[in-house]
Protein backbone atom coordinates (compact mmCIF):
# COMPACT_ATOMS: atom_id res chain seq x y z
CA MET A 1 -46.25 7.97 -67.89
CA THR A 2 -46.16 10.90 -65.44
CA THR A 3 -49.27 12.42 -64.94
CA THR A 4 -50.00 15.89 -63.50
CA ARG A 5 -52.62 18.42 -62.39
CA THR A 6 -52.65 21.80 -61.36
CA VAL A 7 -53.52 23.28 -58.18
CA SER A 8 -53.76 27.44 -58.38
CA GLY A 9 -52.46 26.75 -61.51
CA VAL A 10 -49.24 25.12 -60.05
CA PRO A 11 -48.94 21.69 -62.05
CA LEU A 12 -48.08 18.78 -59.49
CA ARG A 13 -46.70 15.32 -60.35
CA ASP A 14 -48.09 12.14 -59.11
CA ALA A 15 -45.18 11.75 -56.78
CA GLU A 16 -45.35 15.06 -55.24
CA ARG A 17 -48.92 14.16 -53.86
CA ASP A 18 -47.54 11.20 -52.04
CA GLU A 19 -45.37 13.57 -49.81
CA PRO A 20 -46.39 13.16 -45.92
CA SER A 21 -48.85 15.52 -44.75
CA ASP A 22 -47.11 16.68 -41.96
CA GLY A 23 -44.27 18.27 -44.32
CA THR A 24 -41.54 15.87 -43.60
CA ALA A 25 -40.23 15.15 -47.19
CA THR A 26 -39.18 11.65 -48.60
CA GLU A 27 -37.72 10.36 -51.65
CA ALA A 28 -39.83 8.86 -53.92
CA GLY A 29 -39.86 4.69 -53.47
CA SER A 30 -38.10 5.40 -49.77
CA PRO A 31 -40.06 4.17 -46.62
CA ARG A 32 -41.30 6.49 -44.25
CA ARG A 33 -39.83 7.28 -41.26
CA ASP A 34 -41.91 5.90 -38.34
CA ARG A 35 -42.66 8.69 -35.76
CA ARG A 36 -43.53 6.39 -33.14
CA THR A 37 -39.72 5.49 -32.75
CA ALA A 38 -37.99 8.65 -33.73
CA PRO A 39 -36.99 10.31 -30.23
CA ARG A 40 -38.04 13.90 -29.66
CA GLN A 41 -35.58 16.82 -30.29
CA GLY A 42 -33.92 17.23 -26.75
CA GLN A 43 -35.14 13.71 -25.48
CA ARG A 44 -32.46 11.00 -24.40
CA SER A 45 -32.94 8.05 -26.11
CA TRP A 46 -33.13 4.50 -23.67
CA PRO A 47 -30.07 2.73 -23.50
CA THR A 48 -29.74 -0.17 -25.90
CA GLY A 49 -29.54 -3.78 -24.30
CA ARG A 50 -26.01 -3.79 -24.84
CA ALA A 51 -25.27 -0.42 -23.08
CA ARG A 52 -27.50 -2.26 -20.19
CA ARG A 53 -25.07 -4.90 -19.87
CA ARG A 54 -22.05 -2.96 -20.13
CA GLY A 55 -23.38 -1.35 -17.17
CA THR A 56 -24.36 -4.44 -15.18
CA LEU A 57 -20.87 -5.37 -15.81
CA THR A 58 -19.08 -2.38 -14.40
CA THR A 59 -21.69 -2.39 -11.26
CA ALA A 60 -20.45 -6.07 -10.73
CA CYS A 61 -16.88 -5.40 -10.96
CA SER A 62 -18.01 -2.62 -8.02
CA VAL A 63 -19.46 -5.02 -5.89
CA LEU A 64 -16.53 -7.45 -6.55
CA LEU A 65 -14.03 -5.08 -5.55
CA ALA A 66 -15.60 -4.15 -2.41
CA LEU A 67 -15.54 -8.02 -1.41
CA LEU A 68 -12.00 -8.33 -2.23
CA ILE A 69 -11.14 -5.02 -0.29
CA THR A 70 -13.35 -6.44 2.92
CA GLY A 71 -13.00 -10.21 2.48
CA HIS A 72 -9.32 -10.35 1.57
CA ARG A 73 -8.96 -12.60 5.03
CA TRP A 74 -11.16 -15.32 3.40
CA ILE A 75 -9.11 -15.66 0.44
CA PRO A 76 -7.06 -18.95 0.35
CA ASP A 77 -3.44 -18.73 0.59
CA THR A 78 -2.88 -21.64 -1.75
CA PRO A 79 -1.69 -22.22 -4.45
CA GLY A 80 1.08 -19.57 -4.39
CA HIS A 81 0.43 -17.51 -1.49
CA VAL A 82 -1.86 -15.86 -3.26
CA GLY A 83 -3.54 -14.46 0.02
CA SER A 84 -0.51 -12.81 1.14
CA LEU A 85 0.23 -11.47 -2.18
CA VAL A 86 -3.23 -9.80 -2.15
CA GLU A 87 -2.95 -8.75 1.26
CA THR A 88 0.22 -7.13 0.61
CA LEU A 89 -0.82 -5.05 -2.43
CA LEU A 90 -4.15 -4.46 -0.94
CA PRO A 91 -4.00 -0.87 -0.56
CA TRP A 92 -3.40 -0.30 -4.32
CA THR A 93 -6.96 -1.45 -5.15
CA ALA A 94 -7.58 2.18 -4.87
CA LEU A 95 -6.47 2.53 -8.46
CA ALA A 96 -9.26 0.27 -9.89
CA LEU A 97 -11.86 3.35 -8.82
CA PRO A 98 -10.95 5.88 -11.18
CA ALA A 99 -11.16 2.98 -13.85
CA LEU A 100 -14.51 1.89 -12.84
CA LEU A 101 -15.86 5.62 -12.41
CA ALA A 102 -14.38 6.11 -16.22
CA ALA A 103 -16.15 3.11 -17.41
CA ALA A 104 -19.52 3.80 -15.78
CA LEU A 105 -19.65 7.42 -17.29
CA LEU A 106 -18.70 6.16 -20.74
CA ARG A 107 -21.42 3.85 -20.56
CA GLY A 108 -23.75 6.34 -19.26
CA SER A 109 -25.06 4.25 -16.56
CA ARG A 110 -26.33 5.88 -13.17
CA THR A 111 -26.61 2.39 -11.73
CA ALA A 112 -22.81 1.62 -12.29
CA THR A 113 -21.82 5.40 -11.17
CA ALA A 114 -23.71 4.99 -7.74
CA ALA A 115 -22.28 1.33 -7.33
CA LEU A 116 -18.71 3.01 -6.68
CA LEU A 117 -19.94 4.17 -3.61
CA ILE A 118 -19.59 0.49 -2.27
CA PRO A 119 -15.96 -0.02 -2.90
CA ILE A 120 -15.19 3.45 -2.13
CA THR A 121 -16.77 2.95 1.39
CA ALA A 122 -15.07 -0.28 1.53
CA TRP A 123 -11.62 0.81 0.95
CA LEU A 124 -12.00 3.92 3.43
CA ALA A 125 -13.22 1.69 6.13
CA VAL A 126 -10.18 -0.43 6.29
CA PHE A 127 -7.71 2.36 5.05
CA GLY A 128 -9.00 5.90 5.63
CA ALA A 129 -8.20 5.91 9.28
CA ARG A 130 -4.42 5.31 8.11
CA LEU A 131 -4.36 8.45 5.95
CA ALA A 132 -5.25 10.96 8.82
CA ASP A 133 -2.19 12.28 10.98
CA LYS A 134 -2.19 10.51 14.52
CA SER A 135 0.58 12.21 15.66
CA SER A 136 0.78 14.02 18.89
CA PRO A 137 3.50 15.78 20.69
CA GLY A 138 5.99 14.30 23.45
CA GLY A 139 7.90 11.29 23.54
CA ASP A 140 10.93 10.07 25.35
CA LEU A 141 13.25 8.91 22.46
CA THR A 142 13.55 8.56 18.62
CA VAL A 143 14.07 5.12 17.04
CA VAL A 144 15.42 4.99 13.32
CA SER A 145 15.85 1.96 11.44
CA HIS A 146 17.37 1.59 7.97
CA ASN A 147 18.09 -1.15 5.16
CA VAL A 148 21.27 0.85 3.64
CA ARG A 149 21.73 -1.57 1.06
CA GLN A 150 25.05 -3.45 0.91
CA GLU A 151 25.96 -2.07 -2.35
CA ASN A 152 25.29 1.54 -1.28
CA PRO A 153 27.81 3.79 -2.80
CA ASP A 154 27.82 6.46 -0.35
CA PRO A 155 27.98 5.34 3.21
CA HIS A 156 29.57 8.14 4.67
CA GLY A 157 26.30 10.27 2.85
CA THR A 158 23.65 7.67 4.30
CA ALA A 159 25.29 8.06 7.93
CA ARG A 160 25.08 11.70 7.88
CA SER A 161 21.29 11.78 6.90
CA LEU A 162 20.90 9.11 9.61
CA ILE A 163 22.76 11.84 12.25
CA ALA A 164 20.50 14.31 10.90
CA SER A 165 17.45 12.75 12.15
CA ARG A 166 18.48 12.87 15.94
CA ALA A 167 17.60 9.20 16.57
CA ASP A 168 18.40 8.13 19.97
CA VAL A 169 18.77 4.49 18.88
CA LEU A 170 19.49 3.40 15.54
CA ALA A 171 19.23 0.36 13.81
CA LEU A 172 20.53 -0.56 10.32
CA GLN A 173 20.35 -3.31 7.89
CA GLU A 174 22.37 -4.90 4.91
CA LEU A 175 25.95 -3.87 6.32
CA SER A 176 28.83 -5.79 4.81
CA PRO A 177 32.34 -6.19 5.66
CA ASP A 178 33.34 -3.43 3.19
CA THR A 179 30.59 -0.68 4.38
CA ALA A 180 30.33 -1.60 7.99
CA PRO A 181 33.45 0.07 9.11
CA ALA A 182 32.77 3.41 7.15
CA TYR A 183 29.42 3.53 9.27
CA GLU A 184 31.31 2.97 12.17
CA ARG A 185 33.52 5.79 11.83
CA ALA A 186 30.82 7.84 10.71
CA LEU A 187 28.60 7.11 13.67
CA ALA A 188 31.15 7.03 16.35
CA GLY A 189 31.22 10.78 17.28
CA THR A 190 27.33 10.54 17.82
CA TYR A 191 26.50 7.12 19.15
CA PRO A 192 29.38 6.19 21.55
CA TYR A 193 27.58 2.81 21.82
CA HIS A 194 26.97 0.17 19.03
CA VAL A 195 27.00 -3.84 18.48
CA TYR A 196 27.57 -5.30 14.69
CA GLN A 197 26.32 -8.69 14.19
CA GLY A 198 26.48 -10.35 10.37
CA THR A 199 24.46 -7.85 8.70
CA VAL A 200 22.69 -6.09 11.01
CA GLY A 201 23.70 -3.33 13.66
CA LEU A 202 22.90 -1.22 16.18
CA TRP A 203 24.16 2.23 17.43
CA SER A 204 22.55 4.09 20.64
CA ARG A 205 23.18 7.27 22.75
CA TYR A 206 22.79 5.04 25.68
CA PRO A 207 24.35 1.76 27.13
CA LEU A 208 23.64 -1.21 25.84
CA ARG A 209 24.30 -4.68 27.24
CA ASP A 210 23.22 -8.40 26.62
CA ALA A 211 23.92 -8.18 22.86
CA ARG A 212 23.53 -11.25 20.89
CA PRO A 213 23.01 -12.78 17.49
CA LEU A 214 19.42 -14.20 16.82
CA PRO A 215 19.84 -17.78 15.20
CA ILE A 216 16.59 -17.36 12.92
CA MET A 217 18.12 -18.50 9.80
CA PRO A 218 21.50 -19.83 8.72
CA TRP A 219 23.27 -16.56 8.42
CA THR A 220 23.04 -13.72 11.01
CA ARG A 221 20.89 -11.17 9.96
CA ALA A 222 19.29 -10.49 13.40
CA LEU A 223 20.22 -9.88 16.62
CA ARG A 224 18.92 -8.48 20.08
CA ALA A 225 20.35 -6.05 22.79
CA THR A 226 19.07 -4.27 25.56
CA VAL A 227 19.23 -0.46 25.72
CA ASP A 228 19.73 0.98 29.31
CA THR A 229 17.35 4.25 28.52
CA PRO A 230 16.62 6.89 31.50
CA GLY A 231 13.47 5.65 31.38
CA GLY A 232 14.33 1.79 31.93
CA PRO A 233 15.60 -0.79 29.81
CA LEU A 234 14.27 -1.49 26.59
CA ALA A 235 14.88 -4.83 24.68
CA VAL A 236 15.58 -3.95 20.51
CA TYR A 237 15.48 -6.32 18.20
CA VAL A 238 16.98 -5.76 14.65
CA ALA A 239 16.10 -8.28 11.85
CA HIS A 240 16.23 -8.61 8.14
CA LEU A 241 14.25 -11.26 7.31
CA PRO A 242 14.73 -13.19 3.98
CA SER A 243 13.62 -11.45 0.82
CA VAL A 244 10.65 -12.59 -1.14
CA ARG A 245 9.74 -12.97 -4.76
CA VAL A 246 6.62 -12.89 -7.27
CA THR A 247 7.38 -15.62 -9.65
CA PRO A 248 5.04 -17.85 -11.70
CA ALA A 249 4.97 -20.23 -9.32
CA GLY A 250 3.31 -17.61 -6.89
CA PHE A 251 4.63 -15.53 -4.07
CA THR A 252 7.54 -17.31 -2.62
CA ILE A 253 7.51 -16.44 1.53
CA GLY A 254 8.50 -20.06 2.83
CA THR A 255 12.05 -19.21 3.98
CA ARG A 256 10.78 -15.53 5.30
CA ASP A 257 8.22 -17.13 7.26
CA GLU A 258 10.24 -19.90 8.73
CA ALA A 259 12.68 -17.23 10.24
CA LEU A 260 9.79 -14.90 11.08
CA GLY A 261 8.34 -18.12 13.05
CA ARG A 262 11.74 -18.69 15.10
CA LEU A 263 11.90 -14.60 15.77
CA ALA A 264 8.46 -14.52 16.93
CA GLU A 265 9.31 -17.60 19.32
CA ASP A 266 12.41 -15.40 20.63
CA LEU A 267 9.90 -12.31 21.18
CA ARG A 268 7.34 -14.17 23.07
CA ALA A 269 10.19 -15.32 25.48
CA GLU A 270 11.53 -11.88 26.29
CA ARG A 271 11.42 -10.82 29.84
CA VAL A 272 12.02 -7.19 29.46
CA ARG A 273 8.33 -5.59 29.49
CA ARG A 274 9.32 -2.66 26.72
CA VAL A 275 10.11 -4.56 23.58
CA VAL A 276 11.02 -2.62 19.98
CA LEU A 277 11.38 -4.41 16.56
CA VAL A 278 12.54 -2.98 13.84
CA GLY A 279 13.95 -3.68 10.58
CA ASP A 280 13.26 -4.79 7.01
CA LEU A 281 10.65 -7.73 7.43
CA ASN A 282 10.24 -8.23 3.66
CA GLY A 283 6.38 -7.99 4.40
CA SER A 284 3.65 -5.51 4.97
CA THR A 285 1.65 -5.61 8.28
CA ASP A 286 -1.35 -6.51 6.15
CA ASP A 287 -0.07 -9.71 5.21
CA ARG A 288 -1.33 -12.38 6.93
CA SER A 289 1.93 -14.35 7.31
CA LEU A 290 3.18 -11.52 9.61
CA ARG A 291 0.28 -12.44 12.35
CA PRO A 292 2.85 -14.00 14.71
CA LEU A 293 3.99 -10.78 15.03
CA THR A 294 1.42 -8.07 14.96
CA ARG A 295 -0.83 -10.33 17.02
CA HIS A 296 1.18 -9.14 19.68
CA MET A 297 2.88 -6.22 18.30
CA ALA A 298 1.34 -2.45 17.64
CA SER A 299 2.76 -0.79 14.23
CA ALA A 300 4.04 2.69 14.98
CA GLN A 301 3.31 3.53 12.01
CA SER A 302 -0.41 2.65 12.14
CA THR A 303 -1.01 3.95 15.29
CA ALA A 304 0.78 7.27 15.33
CA GLY A 305 1.95 7.97 11.50
CA GLU A 306 0.21 9.63 8.78
CA GLY A 307 -0.50 7.93 5.29
CA LEU A 308 0.63 4.35 4.42
CA GLY A 309 4.30 5.14 4.90
CA LEU A 310 5.66 3.16 1.96
CA THR A 311 9.29 2.78 1.95
CA TRP A 312 9.86 0.31 -0.98
CA PRO A 313 11.47 0.73 -3.70
CA ALA A 314 13.00 4.62 -2.53
CA ARG A 315 12.22 6.16 -5.77
CA PHE A 316 8.28 5.06 -5.90
CA PRO A 317 7.33 3.17 -2.88
CA VAL A 318 4.81 0.85 -3.30
CA VAL A 319 4.59 -1.38 -0.14
CA ARG A 320 5.76 -0.90 3.39
CA ILE A 321 8.57 -3.29 4.36
CA ASP A 322 10.35 -1.82 7.10
CA GLN A 323 8.91 -1.82 10.19
CA ILE A 324 8.97 -0.64 13.55
CA LEU A 325 6.71 -3.00 15.92
CA LEU A 326 6.12 -1.91 19.70
CA LYS A 327 4.99 -3.96 22.84
CA GLY A 328 5.06 -2.48 26.24
CA VAL A 329 5.97 1.14 24.52
CA THR A 330 3.67 3.95 22.59
CA ALA A 331 4.42 5.83 19.65
CA THR A 332 3.61 9.40 19.70
CA SER A 333 4.69 9.82 16.46
CA ALA A 334 6.01 7.93 13.18
CA TRP A 335 7.18 9.13 9.80
CA SER A 336 9.87 8.25 6.85
CA LEU A 337 13.14 9.83 6.46
CA PRO A 338 13.83 11.67 3.31
CA PRO A 339 16.00 9.10 0.61
CA THR A 340 19.28 8.24 0.98
CA THR A 341 21.23 6.37 -1.86
CA SER A 342 19.63 2.92 -0.61
CA ASP A 343 16.76 1.57 -2.45
CA HIS A 344 14.72 2.01 1.03
CA LEU A 345 13.37 4.55 3.01
CA PRO A 346 14.73 5.14 6.48
CA VAL A 347 11.88 5.15 8.90
CA ALA A 348 11.35 6.74 12.35
CA ALA A 349 9.12 7.02 15.60
CA ARG A 350 9.06 8.80 18.51
CA LEU A 351 8.06 6.67 21.53
CA THR A 352 6.84 6.98 25.26
CA LEU A 353 8.33 4.31 27.65
CA GLY A 354 5.83 5.15 30.45
CA PRO A 355 6.36 4.12 33.85
């Protein structure tokens, strides 16, 4: 039975008398809201333990990414040559930074957001200098190298593009018995001197001598010649090292590295002081496997270029495997040329021969 009483002539029921004194209405029989645990209006609630754990995970990923960028040389190369693969793709670790930022913002973690400064600083320390324009005016001659692709459907068009670069010395890779005559005819008017061995060739405005194939692999994909430039002799090596593959077994680079080792021996025995190595090396200069070359030779792109200078595949380059390496000469500028009908971008460098 419900009892009532009146206040100022207005009847009140027992349920109405049980309303909280602060004026907050509750349904009959429902538990009261604990004001001590309710956030005030405009006040942000503390993150739950799960949110804190998520922020910790994002922070840990940022630290691990920074360690990967700065400590990649300590990654073991076995099994599957994983160290070489990581170093080849190392610049693309920058793609992880926006993902980590989005994760930190979604979690609302200030610690995770601040931790992003660690991998950002690490990436800029390793690759930041390459993004700047390091070119300078001057130079004695221009060298261009291009993997023209064996199945190139338009060798004449590719040759015209290369002539437009005004190269003094032009090196081509992936020539074939079908396309080599087309390049010889198209380039003859601009480059009176040339040598063609196997799948590689060298064209020059200046006389060539001492040209010979390099037996660094069972088939001829490398040569060496001396270019008699106005500034003195320049030894030019043209090479197309064996291809690499990423398979379930890992990064298959054994054949490439064997040929690379033989090429490095020939370069160490070179008696001409000024040396240029150009070609498709099927490897990034960040790859530890190229150290027999990069230990003694400087990359024109790294010392005088702007950006990473990625060259393959031409439509969306992800790695620079087409190189111009120098010893006894310096580069004043380095760049990539516009795409041709090849799957590689041509690369160029302006060189100073010095005294």
